[in-house]
Amino acid sequence: MADSDYLFLSRKGQKPISRVQAWKIINDAARINDTIGTHTLRRISFYQMTKDAAMLQKIFGFL
């Protein structure tokens, strides 16, 4: 898969799904409303790549 390829294609053609549609899918999958979203996934992804919780806390203003 190339960096320019879309991970999730829309049913309407060769376009990506929208940010809003991604949020709806994530919330439906998690079955939690207003608690998990795309921003949460960014945090999880950052932590999985770096294993640096302190840096993550600095970035988000918790330290």
N, C-alpha and C. Protein backbone atom coordinates (compact mmCIF):
# COMPACT_ATOMS: atom_id res chain seq x y z
N MET A 1 0.84 -1.18 0.00
CA MET A 1 0.00 0.00 0.00
C MET A 1 0.89 1.24 0.00
N ALA A 2 0.63 2.15 -0.88
CA ALA A 2 1.41 3.38 -0.98
C ALA A 2 0.93 4.39 0.06
N ASP A 3 1.80 5.33 0.43
CA ASP A 3 1.43 6.38 1.38
C ASP A 3 0.25 7.21 0.87
N SER A 4 0.10 7.30 -0.42
CA SER A 4 -0.97 8.11 -1.01
C SER A 4 -2.29 7.36 -1.12
N ASP A 5 -2.29 6.04 -0.84
CA ASP A 5 -3.52 5.25 -0.90
C ASP A 5 -4.40 5.54 0.31
N TYR A 6 -5.70 5.53 0.09
CA TYR A 6 -6.64 5.74 1.19
C TYR A 6 -6.86 4.41 1.91
N LEU A 7 -6.95 4.47 3.21
CA LEU A 7 -7.17 3.27 4.01
C LEU A 7 -8.63 2.82 3.92
N PHE A 8 -9.55 3.78 3.94
CA PHE A 8 -10.98 3.47 3.87
C PHE A 8 -11.60 4.25 2.73
N LEU A 9 -12.10 3.54 1.73
CA LEU A 9 -12.74 4.19 0.59
C LEU A 9 -14.23 4.35 0.83
N SER A 10 -14.76 5.42 0.30
CA SER A 10 -16.19 5.69 0.37
C SER A 10 -16.92 4.71 -0.54
N ARG A 11 -18.17 4.45 -0.24
CA ARG A 11 -18.99 3.61 -1.12
C ARG A 11 -19.37 4.36 -2.39
N LYS A 12 -19.13 5.67 -2.39
CA LYS A 12 -19.53 6.52 -3.52
C LYS A 12 -18.49 6.58 -4.62
N GLY A 13 -17.41 5.87 -4.49
CA GLY A 13 -16.39 5.90 -5.53
C GLY A 13 -15.00 5.79 -4.95
N GLN A 14 -14.04 6.30 -5.66
CA GLN A 14 -12.64 6.20 -5.25
C GLN A 14 -12.20 7.38 -4.38
N LYS A 15 -13.06 7.81 -3.49
CA LYS A 15 -12.74 8.89 -2.56
C LYS A 15 -12.64 8.30 -1.16
N PRO A 16 -11.92 8.99 -0.26
CA PRO A 16 -11.86 8.50 1.12
C PRO A 16 -13.16 8.81 1.85
N ILE A 17 -13.41 8.07 2.95
CA ILE A 17 -14.55 8.43 3.78
C ILE A 17 -14.25 9.75 4.46
N SER A 18 -15.28 10.43 4.89
CA SER A 18 -15.09 11.72 5.54
C SER A 18 -14.65 11.54 6.99
N ARG A 19 -14.15 12.60 7.58
CA ARG A 19 -13.75 12.59 8.99
C ARG A 19 -14.95 12.26 9.86
N VAL A 20 -16.10 12.82 9.51
CA VAL A 20 -17.32 12.58 10.28
C VAL A 20 -17.74 11.12 10.18
N GLN A 21 -17.66 10.55 8.99
CA GLN A 21 -18.02 9.14 8.81
C GLN A 21 -17.06 8.24 9.60
N ALA A 22 -15.78 8.57 9.61
CA ALA A 22 -14.81 7.79 10.40
C ALA A 22 -15.17 7.84 11.88
N TRP A 23 -15.55 9.03 12.37
CA TRP A 23 -15.93 9.19 13.77
C TRP A 23 -17.15 8.33 14.09
N LYS A 24 -18.15 8.33 13.20
CA LYS A 24 -19.36 7.53 13.42
C LYS A 24 -19.03 6.04 13.49
N ILE A 25 -18.18 5.58 12.59
CA ILE A 25 -17.79 4.17 12.56
C ILE A 25 -17.07 3.78 13.84
N ILE A 26 -16.15 4.63 14.27
CA ILE A 26 -15.38 4.34 15.49
C ILE A 26 -16.31 4.31 16.70
N ASN A 27 -17.20 5.26 16.81
CA ASN A 27 -18.13 5.27 17.94
C ASN A 27 -19.06 4.07 17.93
N ASP A 28 -19.55 3.68 16.76
CA ASP A 28 -20.40 2.51 16.67
C ASP A 28 -19.64 1.24 17.07
N ALA A 29 -18.41 1.15 16.62
CA ALA A 29 -17.60 -0.03 16.95
C ALA A 29 -17.28 -0.10 18.43
N ALA A 30 -17.01 1.03 19.03
CA ALA A 30 -16.67 1.06 20.45
C ALA A 30 -17.91 1.00 21.34
N ARG A 31 -19.05 1.33 20.76
CA ARG A 31 -20.32 1.38 21.49
C ARG A 31 -20.24 2.33 22.69
N ILE A 32 -19.46 3.39 22.52
CA ILE A 32 -19.31 4.41 23.55
C ILE A 32 -19.54 5.75 22.87
N ASN A 33 -20.47 6.52 23.37
CA ASN A 33 -20.76 7.82 22.76
C ASN A 33 -19.91 8.91 23.37
N ASP A 34 -19.37 9.76 22.53
CA ASP A 34 -18.61 10.95 22.94
C ASP A 34 -17.39 10.66 23.80
N THR A 35 -16.92 9.44 23.83
CA THR A 35 -15.78 9.11 24.67
C THR A 35 -14.56 8.72 23.84
N ILE A 36 -14.78 8.11 22.71
CA ILE A 36 -13.68 7.69 21.86
C ILE A 36 -13.88 8.30 20.48
N GLY A 37 -12.81 8.77 19.91
CA GLY A 37 -12.89 9.39 18.59
C GLY A 37 -11.55 9.30 17.88
N THR A 38 -11.46 9.98 16.78
CA THR A 38 -10.24 9.92 15.99
C THR A 38 -9.06 10.51 16.75
N HIS A 39 -9.30 11.53 17.59
CA HIS A 39 -8.21 12.12 18.36
C HIS A 39 -7.67 11.11 19.37
N THR A 40 -8.56 10.33 19.96
CA THR A 40 -8.15 9.28 20.88
C THR A 40 -7.25 8.28 20.18
N LEU A 41 -7.60 7.93 18.95
CA LEU A 41 -6.79 6.99 18.19
C LEU A 41 -5.40 7.56 17.89
N ARG A 42 -5.32 8.87 17.65
CA ARG A 42 -4.01 9.49 17.44
C ARG A 42 -3.14 9.34 18.67
N ARG A 43 -3.73 9.56 19.84
CA ARG A 43 -2.97 9.41 21.09
C ARG A 43 -2.48 7.97 21.26
N ILE A 44 -3.36 7.03 21.03
CA ILE A 44 -2.99 5.62 21.16
C ILE A 44 -1.89 5.27 20.18
N SER A 45 -2.03 5.71 18.95
CA SER A 45 -1.02 5.43 17.92
C SER A 45 0.33 6.03 18.31
N PHE A 46 0.33 7.28 18.79
CA PHE A 46 1.58 7.92 19.21
C PHE A 46 2.24 7.12 20.32
N TYR A 47 1.45 6.71 21.30
CA TYR A 47 2.01 5.95 22.42
C TYR A 47 2.56 4.61 21.94
N GLN A 48 1.86 3.92 21.06
CA GLN A 48 2.33 2.63 20.56
C GLN A 48 3.64 2.77 19.80
N MET A 49 3.81 3.90 19.10
CA MET A 49 5.04 4.11 18.33
C MET A 49 6.20 4.50 19.23
N THR A 50 5.96 5.32 20.25
CA THR A 50 7.05 5.88 21.04
C THR A 50 7.21 5.26 22.43
N LYS A 51 6.13 4.74 22.99
CA LYS A 51 6.11 4.22 24.37
C LYS A 51 6.53 5.30 25.37
N ASP A 52 6.27 6.55 25.04
CA ASP A 52 6.68 7.68 25.86
C ASP A 52 5.45 8.41 26.40
N ALA A 53 4.95 7.95 27.54
CA ALA A 53 3.74 8.54 28.13
C ALA A 53 4.00 9.98 28.59
N ALA A 54 5.20 10.26 29.09
CA ALA A 54 5.52 11.60 29.57
C ALA A 54 5.47 12.62 28.42
N MET A 55 5.99 12.26 27.27
CA MET A 55 5.95 13.16 26.11
C MET A 55 4.51 13.39 25.68
N LEU A 56 3.71 12.36 25.69
CA LEU A 56 2.30 12.48 25.34
C LEU A 56 1.58 13.43 26.31
N GLN A 57 1.89 13.33 27.59
CA GLN A 57 1.28 14.21 28.56
C GLN A 57 1.71 15.66 28.34
N LYS A 58 2.98 15.88 27.98
CA LYS A 58 3.46 17.23 27.68
C LYS A 58 2.73 17.81 26.48
N ILE A 59 2.60 17.02 25.43
CA ILE A 59 1.95 17.48 24.19
C ILE A 59 0.53 17.93 24.49
N PHE A 60 -0.18 17.18 25.30
CA PHE A 60 -1.58 17.49 25.56
C PHE A 60 -1.79 18.34 26.81
N GLY A 61 -0.71 18.86 27.37
CA GLY A 61 -0.81 19.83 28.45
C GLY A 61 -1.16 19.24 29.81
N PHE A 62 -0.87 17.97 30.02
CA PHE A 62 -1.15 17.36 31.31
C PHE A 62 0.01 17.46 32.28
N LEU A 63 1.15 17.95 31.82
CA LEU A 63 2.33 18.12 32.70
C LEU A 63 2.72 19.58 32.75
